[in-house]
Amino acid sequence: MYEATRWGKRGATINSISPGIIITPLANDELKEPRGEGYRKMLSASPAGRAGTLDEVGELAEFLMSKRGRFISGSDYLIDGGTTASYWYGDLQYLKKTH
């Protein structure tokens, strides 16, 4: 937000994107590791019921950097399929008790 106020004087917009589990080669490896079962449970209990894709993150970035996103600045976009919301308010509340 601070940088958005500074860079806004130059006509720039500043935002951030905070992705959840996104399917990449590294994420695929982690899903097969010992902690993978926990990640799979977390994803299946999230509202989206799956991990995200690189394209989905890219499409959000494309929108924010396009003319359609010119009025958006100083924001952080959580793109995690609702996993964080489910952790605080939904089916993943059990994780708070175990971690």
PDB file of N, CA and C in Angstrom:
ATOM      1  N   MET A   1       0.821  -1.182   0.000  1.00  0.00           N
ATOM      2  CA  MET A   1       0.000   0.000   0.000  1.00  0.00           C
ATOM      3  C   MET A   1       0.870   1.252   0.000  1.00  0.00           C
ATOM      4  N   TYR A   2       1.932   1.188   0.783  1.00  0.00           N
ATOM      5  CA  TYR A   2       2.841   2.333   0.847  1.00  0.00           C
ATOM      6  C   TYR A   2       3.401   2.651  -0.535  1.00  0.00           C
ATOM      7  N   GLU A   3       3.880   1.640  -1.215  1.00  0.00           N
ATOM      8  CA  GLU A   3       4.460   1.856  -2.546  1.00  0.00           C
ATOM      9  C   GLU A   3       3.411   2.339  -3.539  1.00  0.00           C
ATOM     10  N   ALA A   4       2.161   1.913  -3.379  1.00  0.00           N
ATOM     11  CA  ALA A   4       1.102   2.370  -4.266  1.00  0.00           C
ATOM     12  C   ALA A   4       0.929   3.883  -4.147  1.00  0.00           C
ATOM     13  N   THR A   5       1.075   4.428  -2.945  1.00  0.00           N
ATOM     14  CA  THR A   5       0.946   5.876  -2.787  1.00  0.00           C
ATOM     15  C   THR A   5       2.124   6.594  -3.430  1.00  0.00           C
ATOM     16  N   ARG A   6       3.303   6.041  -3.308  1.00  0.00           N
ATOM     17  CA  ARG A   6       4.494   6.672  -3.915  1.00  0.00           C
ATOM     18  C   ARG A   6       4.470   6.569  -5.432  1.00  0.00           C
ATOM     19  N   TRP A   7       4.234   5.363  -5.953  1.00  0.00           N
ATOM     20  CA  TRP A   7       4.273   5.152  -7.397  1.00  0.00           C
ATOM     21  C   TRP A   7       3.048   5.724  -8.098  1.00  0.00           C
ATOM     22  N   GLY A   8       1.967   5.897  -7.383  1.00  0.00           N
ATOM     23  CA  GLY A   8       0.775   6.503  -7.965  1.00  0.00           C
ATOM     24  C   GLY A   8       1.041   7.912  -8.465  1.00  0.00           C
ATOM     25  N   LYS A   9       1.957   8.626  -7.806  1.00  0.00           N
ATOM     26  CA  LYS A   9       2.319   9.973  -8.245  1.00  0.00           C
ATOM     27  C   LYS A   9       2.965   9.969  -9.623  1.00  0.00           C
ATOM     28  N   ARG A  10       3.475   8.804 -10.020  1.00  0.00           N
ATOM     29  CA  ARG A  10       4.094   8.654 -11.349  1.00  0.00           C
ATOM     30  C   ARG A  10       3.137   7.983 -12.340  1.00  0.00           C
ATOM     31  N   GLY A  11       1.913   7.727 -11.905  1.00  0.00           N
ATOM     32  CA  GLY A  11       0.927   7.119 -12.781  1.00  0.00           C
ATOM     33  C   GLY A  11       0.931   5.601 -12.782  1.00  0.00           C
ATOM     34  N   ALA A  12       1.686   4.999 -11.865  1.00  0.00           N
ATOM     35  CA  ALA A  12       1.773   3.541 -11.806  1.00  0.00           C
ATOM     36  C   ALA A  12       0.785   2.981 -10.789  1.00  0.00           C
ATOM     37  N   THR A  13       0.395   1.745 -11.000  1.00  0.00           N
ATOM     38  CA  THR A  13      -0.399   1.028 -10.009  1.00  0.00           C
ATOM     39  C   THR A  13       0.475  -0.082  -9.431  1.00  0.00           C
ATOM     40  N   ILE A  14       0.311  -0.329  -8.143  1.00  0.00           N
ATOM     41  CA  ILE A  14       1.096  -1.351  -7.444  1.00  0.00           C
ATOM     42  C   ILE A  14       0.128  -2.275  -6.715  1.00  0.00           C
ATOM     43  N   ASN A  15       0.210  -3.549  -7.025  1.00  0.00           N
ATOM     44  CA  ASN A  15      -0.603  -4.571  -6.368  1.00  0.00           C
ATOM     45  C   ASN A  15       0.275  -5.794  -6.143  1.00  0.00           C
ATOM     46  N   SER A  16      -0.200  -6.696  -5.333  1.00  0.00           N
ATOM     47  CA  SER A  16       0.509  -7.966  -5.145  1.00  0.00           C
ATOM     48  C   SER A  16      -0.473  -9.118  -5.295  1.00  0.00           C
ATOM     49  N   ILE A  17       0.086 -10.259  -5.670  1.00  0.00           N
ATOM     50  CA  ILE A  17      -0.696 -11.483  -5.831  1.00  0.00           C
ATOM     51  C   ILE A  17      -0.121 -12.517  -4.879  1.00  0.00           C
ATOM     52  N   SER A  18      -0.982 -13.096  -4.055  1.00  0.00           N
ATOM     53  CA  SER A  18      -0.572 -14.110  -3.081  1.00  0.00           C
ATOM     54  C   SER A  18      -1.229 -15.437  -3.435  1.00  0.00           C
ATOM     55  N   PRO A  19      -0.517 -16.270  -4.181  1.00  0.00           N
ATOM     56  CA  PRO A  19      -1.117 -17.544  -4.589  1.00  0.00           C
ATOM     57  C   PRO A  19      -1.053 -18.593  -3.484  1.00  0.00           C
ATOM     58  N   GLY A  20      -2.016 -19.490  -3.512  1.00  0.00           N
ATOM     59  CA  GLY A  20      -1.995 -20.669  -2.657  1.00  0.00           C
ATOM     60  C   GLY A  20      -1.212 -21.764  -3.356  1.00  0.00           C
ATOM     61  N   ILE A  21      -1.667 -22.996  -3.238  1.00  0.00           N
ATOM     62  CA  ILE A  21      -0.979 -24.101  -3.906  1.00  0.00           C
ATOM     63  C   ILE A  21      -1.310 -24.036  -5.392  1.00  0.00           C
ATOM     64  N   ILE A  22      -0.285 -23.845  -6.192  1.00  0.00           N
ATOM     65  CA  ILE A  22      -0.408 -23.745  -7.636  1.00  0.00           C
ATOM     66  C   ILE A  22       0.345 -24.930  -8.233  1.00  0.00           C
ATOM     67  N   ILE A  23      -0.271 -25.606  -9.188  1.00  0.00           N
ATOM     68  CA  ILE A  23       0.346 -26.791  -9.775  1.00  0.00           C
ATOM     69  C   ILE A  23       1.562 -26.398 -10.613  1.00  0.00           C
ATOM     70  N   THR A  24       2.706 -26.752 -10.097  1.00  0.00           N
ATOM     71  CA  THR A  24       4.000 -26.578 -10.751  1.00  0.00           C
ATOM     72  C   THR A  24       4.749 -27.893 -10.564  1.00  0.00           C
ATOM     73  N   PRO A  25       5.878 -28.078 -11.232  1.00  0.00           N
ATOM     74  CA  PRO A  25       6.648 -29.304 -10.977  1.00  0.00           C
ATOM     75  C   PRO A  25       7.005 -29.480  -9.493  1.00  0.00           C
ATOM     76  N   LEU A  26       7.360 -28.389  -8.813  1.00  0.00           N
ATOM     77  CA  LEU A  26       7.692 -28.481  -7.390  1.00  0.00           C
ATOM     78  C   LEU A  26       6.470 -28.881  -6.568  1.00  0.00           C
ATOM     79  N   ALA A  27       5.317 -28.280  -6.859  1.00  0.00           N
ATOM     80  CA  ALA A  27       4.091 -28.630  -6.118  1.00  0.00           C
ATOM     81  C   ALA A  27       3.725 -30.087  -6.355  1.00  0.00           C
ATOM     82  N   ASN A  28       3.868 -30.568  -7.580  1.00  0.00           N
ATOM     83  CA  ASN A  28       3.590 -31.980  -7.854  1.00  0.00           C
ATOM     84  C   ASN A  28       4.481 -32.881  -7.024  1.00  0.00           C
ATOM     85  N   ASP A  29       5.772 -32.518  -6.901  1.00  0.00           N
ATOM     86  CA  ASP A  29       6.689 -33.298  -6.062  1.00  0.00           C
ATOM     87  C   ASP A  29       6.259 -33.264  -4.604  1.00  0.00           C
ATOM     88  N   GLU A  30       5.879 -32.085  -4.112  1.00  0.00           N
ATOM     89  CA  GLU A  30       5.476 -31.961  -2.709  1.00  0.00           C
ATOM     90  C   GLU A  30       4.209 -32.758  -2.411  1.00  0.00           C
ATOM     91  N   LEU A  31       3.308 -32.848  -3.371  1.00  0.00           N
ATOM     92  CA  LEU A  31       2.085 -33.627  -3.166  1.00  0.00           C
ATOM     93  C   LEU A  31       2.374 -35.120  -3.042  1.00  0.00           C
ATOM     94  N   LYS A  32       3.540 -35.549  -3.502  1.00  0.00           N
ATOM     95  CA  LYS A  32       3.943 -36.963  -3.409  1.00  0.00           C
ATOM     96  C   LYS A  32       4.803 -37.244  -2.183  1.00  0.00           C
ATOM     97  N   GLU A  33       5.240 -36.195  -1.491  1.00  0.00           N
ATOM     98  CA  GLU A  33       6.087 -36.333  -0.311  1.00  0.00           C
ATOM     99  C   GLU A  33       5.236 -36.663   0.922  1.00  0.00           C
ATOM    100  N   PRO A  34       5.886 -36.911   2.075  1.00  0.00           N
ATOM    101  CA  PRO A  34       5.135 -37.250   3.293  1.00  0.00           C
ATOM    102  C   PRO A  34       4.058 -36.213   3.675  1.00  0.00           C
ATOM    103  N   ARG A  35       4.327 -34.935   3.451  1.00  0.00           N
ATOM    104  CA  ARG A  35       3.324 -33.909   3.787  1.00  0.00           C
ATOM    105  C   ARG A  35       2.230 -33.806   2.731  1.00  0.00           C
ATOM    106  N   GLY A  36       2.374 -34.521   1.644  1.00  0.00           N
ATOM    107  CA  GLY A  36       1.420 -34.449   0.547  1.00  0.00           C
ATOM    108  C   GLY A  36       0.004 -34.787   0.945  1.00  0.00           C
ATOM    109  N   GLU A  37      -0.166 -35.741   1.847  1.00  0.00           N
ATOM    110  CA  GLU A  37      -1.511 -36.119   2.276  1.00  0.00           C
ATOM    111  C   GLU A  37      -2.230 -34.932   2.915  1.00  0.00           C
ATOM    112  N   GLY A  38      -1.511 -34.183   3.742  1.00  0.00           N
ATOM    113  CA  GLY A  38      -2.098 -32.995   4.369  1.00  0.00           C
ATOM    114  C   GLY A  38      -2.493 -31.948   3.338  1.00  0.00           C
ATOM    115  N   TYR A  39      -1.627 -31.739   2.346  1.00  0.00           N
ATOM    116  CA  TYR A  39      -1.938 -30.779   1.281  1.00  0.00           C
ATOM    117  C   TYR A  39      -3.171 -31.233   0.499  1.00  0.00           C
ATOM    118  N   ARG A  40      -3.244 -32.518   0.179  1.00  0.00           N
ATOM    119  CA  ARG A  40      -4.384 -33.029  -0.577  1.00  0.00           C
ATOM    120  C   ARG A  40      -5.691 -32.869   0.201  1.00  0.00           C
ATOM    121  N   LYS A  41      -5.650 -33.123   1.512  1.00  0.00           N
ATOM    122  CA  LYS A  41      -6.832 -32.928   2.349  1.00  0.00           C
ATOM    123  C   LYS A  41      -7.240 -31.457   2.363  1.00  0.00           C
ATOM    124  N   MET A  42      -6.242 -30.593   2.491  1.00  0.00           N
ATOM    125  CA  MET A  42      -6.509 -29.165   2.522  1.00  0.00           C
ATOM    126  C   MET A  42      -7.157 -28.712   1.209  1.00  0.00           C
ATOM    127  N   LEU A  43      -6.640 -29.177   0.087  1.00  0.00           N
ATOM    128  CA  LEU A  43      -7.194 -28.795  -1.208  1.00  0.00           C
ATOM    129  C   LEU A  43      -8.606 -29.337  -1.400  1.00  0.00           C
ATOM    130  N   SER A  44      -8.831 -30.580  -1.020  1.00  0.00           N
ATOM    131  CA  SER A  44     -10.165 -31.163  -1.228  1.00  0.00           C
ATOM    132  C   SER A  44     -11.207 -30.513  -0.328  1.00  0.00           C
ATOM    133  N   ALA A  45     -10.810 -30.001   0.831  1.00  0.00           N
ATOM    134  CA  ALA A  45     -11.746 -29.350   1.749  1.00  0.00           C
ATOM    135  C   ALA A  45     -11.956 -27.875   1.423  1.00  0.00           C
ATOM    136  N   SER A  46     -11.162 -27.331   0.503  1.00  0.00           N
ATOM    137  CA  SER A  46     -11.317 -25.919   0.143  1.00  0.00           C
ATOM    138  C   SER A  46     -12.527 -25.743  -0.763  1.00  0.00           C
ATOM    139  N   PRO A  47     -13.085 -24.545  -0.843  1.00  0.00           N
ATOM    140  CA  PRO A  47     -14.251 -24.320  -1.707  1.00  0.00           C
ATOM    141  C   PRO A  47     -14.012 -24.711  -3.170  1.00  0.00           C
ATOM    142  N   ALA A  48     -12.818 -24.474  -3.705  1.00  0.00           N
ATOM    143  CA  ALA A  48     -12.540 -24.840  -5.094  1.00  0.00           C
ATOM    144  C   ALA A  48     -12.316 -26.341  -5.246  1.00  0.00           C
ATOM    145  N   GLY A  49     -11.858 -26.981  -4.179  1.00  0.00           N
ATOM    146  CA  GLY A  49     -11.637 -28.425  -4.207  1.00  0.00           C
ATOM    147  C   GLY A  49     -10.444 -28.864  -5.028  1.00  0.00           C
ATOM    148  N   ARG A  50      -9.527 -27.937  -5.308  1.00  0.00           N
ATOM    149  CA  ARG A  50      -8.371 -28.273  -6.143  1.00  0.00           C
ATOM    150  C   ARG A  50      -7.302 -27.215  -5.982  1.00  0.00           C
ATOM    151  N   ALA A  51      -6.142 -27.502  -6.545  1.00  0.00           N
ATOM    152  CA  ALA A  51      -5.063 -26.518  -6.611  1.00  0.00           C
ATOM    153  C   ALA A  51      -5.316 -25.589  -7.793  1.00  0.00           C
ATOM    154  N   GLY A  52      -4.620 -24.483  -7.796  1.00  0.00           N
ATOM    155  CA  GLY A  52      -4.725 -23.531  -8.892  1.00  0.00           C
ATOM    156  C   GLY A  52      -3.750 -23.859 -10.009  1.00  0.00           C
ATOM    157  N   THR A  53      -3.858 -23.119 -11.085  1.00  0.00           N
ATOM    158  CA  THR A  53      -2.967 -23.305 -12.231  1.00  0.00           C
ATOM    159  C   THR A  53      -2.168 -22.025 -12.469  1.00  0.00           C
ATOM    160  N   LEU A  54      -1.061 -22.204 -13.164  1.00  0.00           N
ATOM    161  CA  LEU A  54      -0.252 -21.045 -13.536  1.00  0.00           C
ATOM    162  C   LEU A  54      -1.062 -20.075 -14.391  1.00  0.00           C
ATOM    163  N   ASP A  55      -1.885 -20.615 -15.273  1.00  0.00           N
ATOM    164  CA  ASP A  55      -2.709 -19.758 -16.133  1.00  0.00           C
ATOM    165  C   ASP A  55      -3.663 -18.889 -15.321  1.00  0.00           C
ATOM    166  N   GLU A  56      -4.234 -19.438 -14.258  1.00  0.00           N
ATOM    167  CA  GLU A  56      -5.158 -18.653 -13.439  1.00  0.00           C
ATOM    168  C   GLU A  56      -4.446 -17.478 -12.770  1.00  0.00           C
ATOM    169  N   VAL A  57      -3.256 -17.715 -12.273  1.00  0.00           N
ATOM    170  CA  VAL A  57      -2.486 -16.623 -11.672  1.00  0.00           C
ATOM    171  C   VAL A  57      -2.101 -15.610 -12.748  1.00  0.00           C
ATOM    172  N   GLY A  58      -1.680 -16.111 -13.899  1.00  0.00           N
ATOM    173  CA  GLY A  58      -1.307 -15.229 -15.001  1.00  0.00           C
ATOM    174  C   GLY A  58      -2.466 -14.374 -15.483  1.00  0.00           C
ATOM    175  N   GLU A  59      -3.662 -14.944 -15.521  1.00  0.00           N
ATOM    176  CA  GLU A  59      -4.836 -14.186 -15.955  1.00  0.00           C
ATOM    177  C   GLU A  59      -5.169 -13.065 -14.972  1.00  0.00           C
ATOM    178  N   LEU A  60      -4.985 -13.325 -13.685  1.00  0.00           N
ATOM    179  CA  LEU A  60      -5.191 -12.266 -12.693  1.00  0.00           C
ATOM    180  C   LEU A  60      -4.163 -11.157 -12.898  1.00  0.00           C
ATOM    181  N   ALA A  61      -2.908 -11.529 -13.083  1.00  0.00           N
ATOM    182  CA  ALA A  61      -1.858 -10.533 -13.307  1.00  0.00           C
ATOM    183  C   ALA A  61      -2.137  -9.738 -14.579  1.00  0.00           C
ATOM    184  N   GLU A  62      -2.546 -10.430 -15.621  1.00  0.00           N
ATOM    185  CA  GLU A  62      -2.862  -9.757 -16.880  1.00  0.00           C
ATOM    186  C   GLU A  62      -3.972  -8.720 -16.672  1.00  0.00           C
ATOM    187  N   PHE A  63      -5.008  -9.095 -15.944  1.00  0.00           N
ATOM    188  CA  PHE A  63      -6.109  -8.169 -15.671  1.00  0.00           C
ATOM    189  C   PHE A  63      -5.605  -6.949 -14.903  1.00  0.00           C
ATOM    190  N   LEU A  64      -4.840  -7.188 -13.831  1.00  0.00           N
ATOM    191  CA  LEU A  64      -4.367  -6.070 -13.006  1.00  0.00           C
ATOM    192  C   LEU A  64      -3.485  -5.110 -13.792  1.00  0.00           C
ATOM    193  N   MET A  65      -2.747  -5.629 -14.768  1.00  0.00           N
ATOM    194  CA  MET A  65      -1.840  -4.781 -15.549  1.00  0.00           C
ATOM    195  C   MET A  65      -2.489  -4.209 -16.803  1.00  0.00           C
ATOM    196  N   SER A  66      -3.736  -4.584 -17.071  1.00  0.00           N
ATOM    197  CA  SER A  66      -4.419  -4.101 -18.266  1.00  0.00           C
ATOM    198  C   SER A  66      -5.124  -2.770 -17.985  1.00  0.00           C
ATOM    199  N   LYS A  67      -5.671  -2.175 -19.028  1.00  0.00           N
ATOM    200  CA  LYS A  67      -6.451  -0.941 -18.871  1.00  0.00           C
ATOM    201  C   LYS A  67      -7.666  -1.176 -17.977  1.00  0.00           C
ATOM    202  N   ARG A  68      -8.210  -2.383 -17.991  1.00  0.00           N
ATOM    203  CA  ARG A  68      -9.374  -2.693 -17.157  1.00  0.00           C
ATOM    204  C   ARG A  68      -9.030  -2.637 -15.671  1.00  0.00           C
ATOM    205  N   GLY A  69      -7.766  -2.796 -15.321  1.00  0.00           N
ATOM    206  CA  GLY A  69      -7.349  -2.786 -13.924  1.00  0.00           C
ATOM    207  C   GLY A  69      -6.696  -1.487 -13.479  1.00  0.00           C
ATOM    208  N   ARG A  70      -6.792  -0.447 -14.267  1.00  0.00           N
ATOM    209  CA  ARG A  70      -6.093   0.817 -13.983  1.00  0.00           C
ATOM    210  C   ARG A  70      -6.523   1.483 -12.682  1.00  0.00           C
ATOM    211  N   PHE A  71      -7.736   1.247 -12.215  1.00  0.00           N
ATOM    212  CA  PHE A  71      -8.212   1.907 -11.007  1.00  0.00           C
ATOM    213  C   PHE A  71      -7.874   1.111  -9.750  1.00  0.00           C
ATOM    214  N   ILE A  72      -7.264  -0.044  -9.917  1.00  0.00           N
ATOM    215  CA  ILE A  72      -6.933  -0.916  -8.782  1.00  0.00           C
ATOM    216  C   ILE A  72      -5.481  -0.683  -8.402  1.00  0.00           C
ATOM    217  N   SER A  73      -5.261  -0.272  -7.171  1.00  0.00           N
ATOM    218  CA  SER A  73      -3.892  -0.051  -6.703  1.00  0.00           C
ATOM    219  C   SER A  73      -3.847  -0.186  -5.185  1.00  0.00           C
ATOM    220  N   GLY A  74      -2.741  -0.702  -4.686  1.00  0.00           N
ATOM    221  CA  GLY A  74      -2.556  -0.855  -3.250  1.00  0.00           C
ATOM    222  C   GLY A  74      -3.257  -2.070  -2.675  1.00  0.00           C
ATOM    223  N   SER A  75      -3.528  -3.056  -3.517  1.00  0.00           N
ATOM    224  CA  SER A  75      -4.272  -4.240  -3.067  1.00  0.00           C
ATOM    225  C   SER A  75      -3.441  -5.513  -3.163  1.00  0.00           C
ATOM    226  N   ASP A  76      -3.779  -6.458  -2.310  1.00  0.00           N
ATOM    227  CA  ASP A  76      -3.185  -7.794  -2.360  1.00  0.00           C
ATOM    228  C   ASP A  76      -4.297  -8.766  -2.718  1.00  0.00           C
ATOM    229  N   TYR A  77      -4.040  -9.585  -3.722  1.00  0.00           N
ATOM    230  CA  TYR A  77      -5.042 -10.550  -4.171  1.00  0.00           C
ATOM    231  C   TYR A  77      -4.635 -11.959  -3.783  1.00  0.00           C
ATOM    232  N   LEU A  78      -5.426 -12.531  -2.894  1.00  0.00           N
ATOM    233  CA  LEU A  78      -5.241 -13.902  -2.454  1.00  0.00           C
ATOM    234  C   LEU A  78      -5.944 -14.793  -3.465  1.00  0.00           C
ATOM    235  N   ILE A  79      -5.180 -15.629  -4.152  1.00  0.00           N
ATOM    236  CA  ILE A  79      -5.747 -16.511  -5.171  1.00  0.00           C
ATOM    237  C   ILE A  79      -5.414 -17.947  -4.759  1.00  0.00           C
ATOM    238  N   ASP A  80      -6.288 -18.482  -3.906  1.00  0.00           N
ATOM    239  CA  ASP A  80      -6.020 -19.806  -3.324  1.00  0.00           C
ATOM    240  C   ASP A  80      -7.233 -20.723  -3.347  1.00  0.00           C
ATOM    241  N   GLY A  81      -8.215 -20.408  -4.158  1.00  0.00           N
ATOM    242  CA  GLY A  81      -9.396 -21.263  -4.254  1.00  0.00           C
ATOM    243  C   GLY A  81     -10.245 -21.281  -2.999  1.00  0.00           C
ATOM    244  N   GLY A  82     -10.059 -20.292  -2.146  1.00  0.00           N
ATOM    245  CA  GLY A  82     -10.830 -20.221  -0.915  1.00  0.00           C
ATOM    246  C   GLY A  82     -10.235 -21.004   0.244  1.00  0.00           C
ATOM    247  N   THR A  83      -9.009 -21.507   0.088  1.00  0.00           N
ATOM    248  CA  THR A  83      -8.395 -22.309   1.150  1.00  0.00           C
ATOM    249  C   THR A  83      -8.240 -21.512   2.437  1.00  0.00           C
ATOM    250  N   THR A  84      -7.787 -20.274   2.351  1.00  0.00           N
ATOM    251  CA  THR A  84      -7.609 -19.468   3.556  1.00  0.00           C
ATOM    252  C   THR A  84      -8.952 -19.184   4.214  1.00  0.00           C
ATOM    253  N   ALA A  85      -9.969 -18.873   3.423  1.00  0.00           N
ATOM    254  CA  ALA A  85     -11.308 -18.649   3.979  1.00  0.00           C
ATOM    255  C   ALA A  85     -11.809 -19.901   4.685  1.00  0.00           C
ATOM    256  N   SER A  86     -11.556 -21.048   4.094  1.00  0.00           N
ATOM    257  CA  SER A  86     -11.994 -22.307   4.697  1.00  0.00           C
ATOM    258  C   SER A  86     -11.235 -22.591   5.993  1.00  0.00           C
ATOM    259  N   TYR A  87      -9.974 -22.175   6.035  1.00  0.00           N
ATOM    260  CA  TYR A  87      -9.171 -22.341   7.252  1.00  0.00           C
ATOM    261  C   TYR A  87      -9.775 -21.526   8.400  1.00  0.00           C
ATOM    262  N   TRP A  88     -10.176 -20.299   8.129  1.00  0.00           N
ATOM    263  CA  TRP A  88     -10.693 -19.431   9.185  1.00  0.00           C
ATOM    264  C   TRP A  88     -12.170 -19.653   9.475  1.00  0.00           C
ATOM    265  N   TYR A  89     -12.948 -20.000   8.440  1.00  0.00           N
ATOM    266  CA  TYR A  89     -14.394 -20.012   8.622  1.00  0.00           C
ATOM    267  C   TYR A  89     -15.100 -21.290   8.189  1.00  0.00           C
ATOM    268  N   GLY A  90     -14.390 -22.214   7.560  1.00  0.00           N
ATOM    269  CA  GLY A  90     -15.067 -23.365   6.986  1.00  0.00           C
ATOM    270  C   GLY A  90     -14.531 -24.699   7.454  1.00  0.00           C
ATOM    271  N   ASP A  91     -14.472 -25.620   6.516  1.00  0.00           N
ATOM    272  CA  ASP A  91     -14.143 -27.012   6.802  1.00  0.00           C
ATOM    273  C   ASP A  91     -12.695 -27.253   7.225  1.00  0.00           C
ATOM    274  N   LEU A  92     -11.832 -26.272   7.082  1.00  0.00           N
ATOM    275  CA  LEU A  92     -10.433 -26.472   7.476  1.00  0.00           C
ATOM    276  C   LEU A  92     -10.112 -25.917   8.858  1.00  0.00           C
ATOM    277  N   GLN A  93     -11.117 -25.555   9.628  1.00  0.00           N
ATOM    278  CA  GLN A  93     -10.867 -25.005  10.968  1.00  0.00           C
ATOM    279  C   GLN A  93     -10.102 -25.974  11.855  1.00  0.00           C
ATOM    280  N   TYR A  94     -10.217 -27.261  11.565  1.00  0.00           N
ATOM    281  CA  TYR A  94      -9.494 -28.251  12.378  1.00  0.00           C
ATOM    282  C   TYR A  94      -7.983 -28.039  12.305  1.00  0.00           C
ATOM    283  N   LEU A  95      -7.475 -27.461  11.231  1.00  0.00           N
ATOM    284  CA  LEU A  95      -6.032 -27.213  11.125  1.00  0.00           C
ATOM    285  C   LEU A  95      -5.555 -26.217  12.169  1.00  0.00           C
ATOM    286  N   LYS A  96      -6.388 -25.249  12.518  1.00  0.00           N
ATOM    287  CA  LYS A  96      -5.996 -24.267  13.527  1.00  0.00           C
ATOM    288  C   LYS A  96      -5.740 -24.949  14.866  1.00  0.00           C
ATOM    289  N   LYS A  97      -6.476 -25.989  15.139  1.00  0.00           N
ATOM    290  CA  LYS A  97      -6.353 -26.677  16.423  1.00  0.00           C
ATOM    291  C   LYS A  97      -5.139 -27.598  16.459  1.00  0.00           C
ATOM    292  N   THR A  98      -4.682 -28.034  15.289  1.00  0.00           N
ATOM    293  CA  THR A  98      -3.561 -28.981  15.258  1.00  0.00           C
ATOM    294  C   THR A  98      -2.231 -28.327  14.926  1.00  0.00           C
ATOM    295  N   HIS A  99      -2.242 -27.026  14.567  1.00  0.00           N
ATOM    296  CA  HIS A  99      -0.985 -26.345  14.209  1.00  0.00           C
ATOM    297  C   HIS A  99      -0.770 -25.127  15.031  1.00  0.00           C
TER     298      HIS A  99
END
